[in-house]
Every structure is written in C-alpha cells, then in structure tokens.
Amino acid sequence: MISVTLNGERHELPRAATVNAAVRASGVAEAARGVAVAVDGEVVPRGAWNSTRLEEGQKVEVAYFGRRHGATVAEEPLFDPAMKRMRG
C-alpha cells in the first residue's frame, strides 16, 4: 500500500495504483465528464490516467465540475444595471 493525499485527505491505495484508482477513490465515476486531475500540481491528461502510477506521498487533486448545485431564484434582480440600487 502507498499513502497519498487525495483532495486534502490521506488515502491508502494499492502499491501499483494509477491516477484512475485515485479518481475512483475520490468517489467520482472515471467516465464522468468534467473531471480534471492534478498530481503534485501537474495536470494529468485523461488519456494518461491508466498509465500514470502514483508514488508514496504524492498529492492528488480530483476536481469534478459536472455536479449539479442548487440555486435560489430571486423575484427581483439583485443588481440593477442602471446602478440605481444594489442589494446584498
């Protein structure tokens, strides 16, 4: 086993773990769209996820931009383009 920092938390992965294993460990489906991965600050292209092996102590960041987020709809605009009023 190796220990890596995955999205700010320590995780144990198999010794031959690749970036793809880290994506799965993060809870994101590897086939999902909008996934980006960086190892020690360097972006790893999706095509290299299966061949890029991780090493002890590396920092892996998995960002998933396809998640849906709730929204609040305001009845009136929060900002008036004519600059007559602003609300917080």
Foldseek 3Di string as FASTA:
>chain_A
DAWEAEQNRIDDDPQFAFQCVSCVVVVHDLPDPQKWKDKQRHTDDSVCRVPHGDHHYIYMYIDHDPDDDDDDDDPDDQQDPVRPDHHD
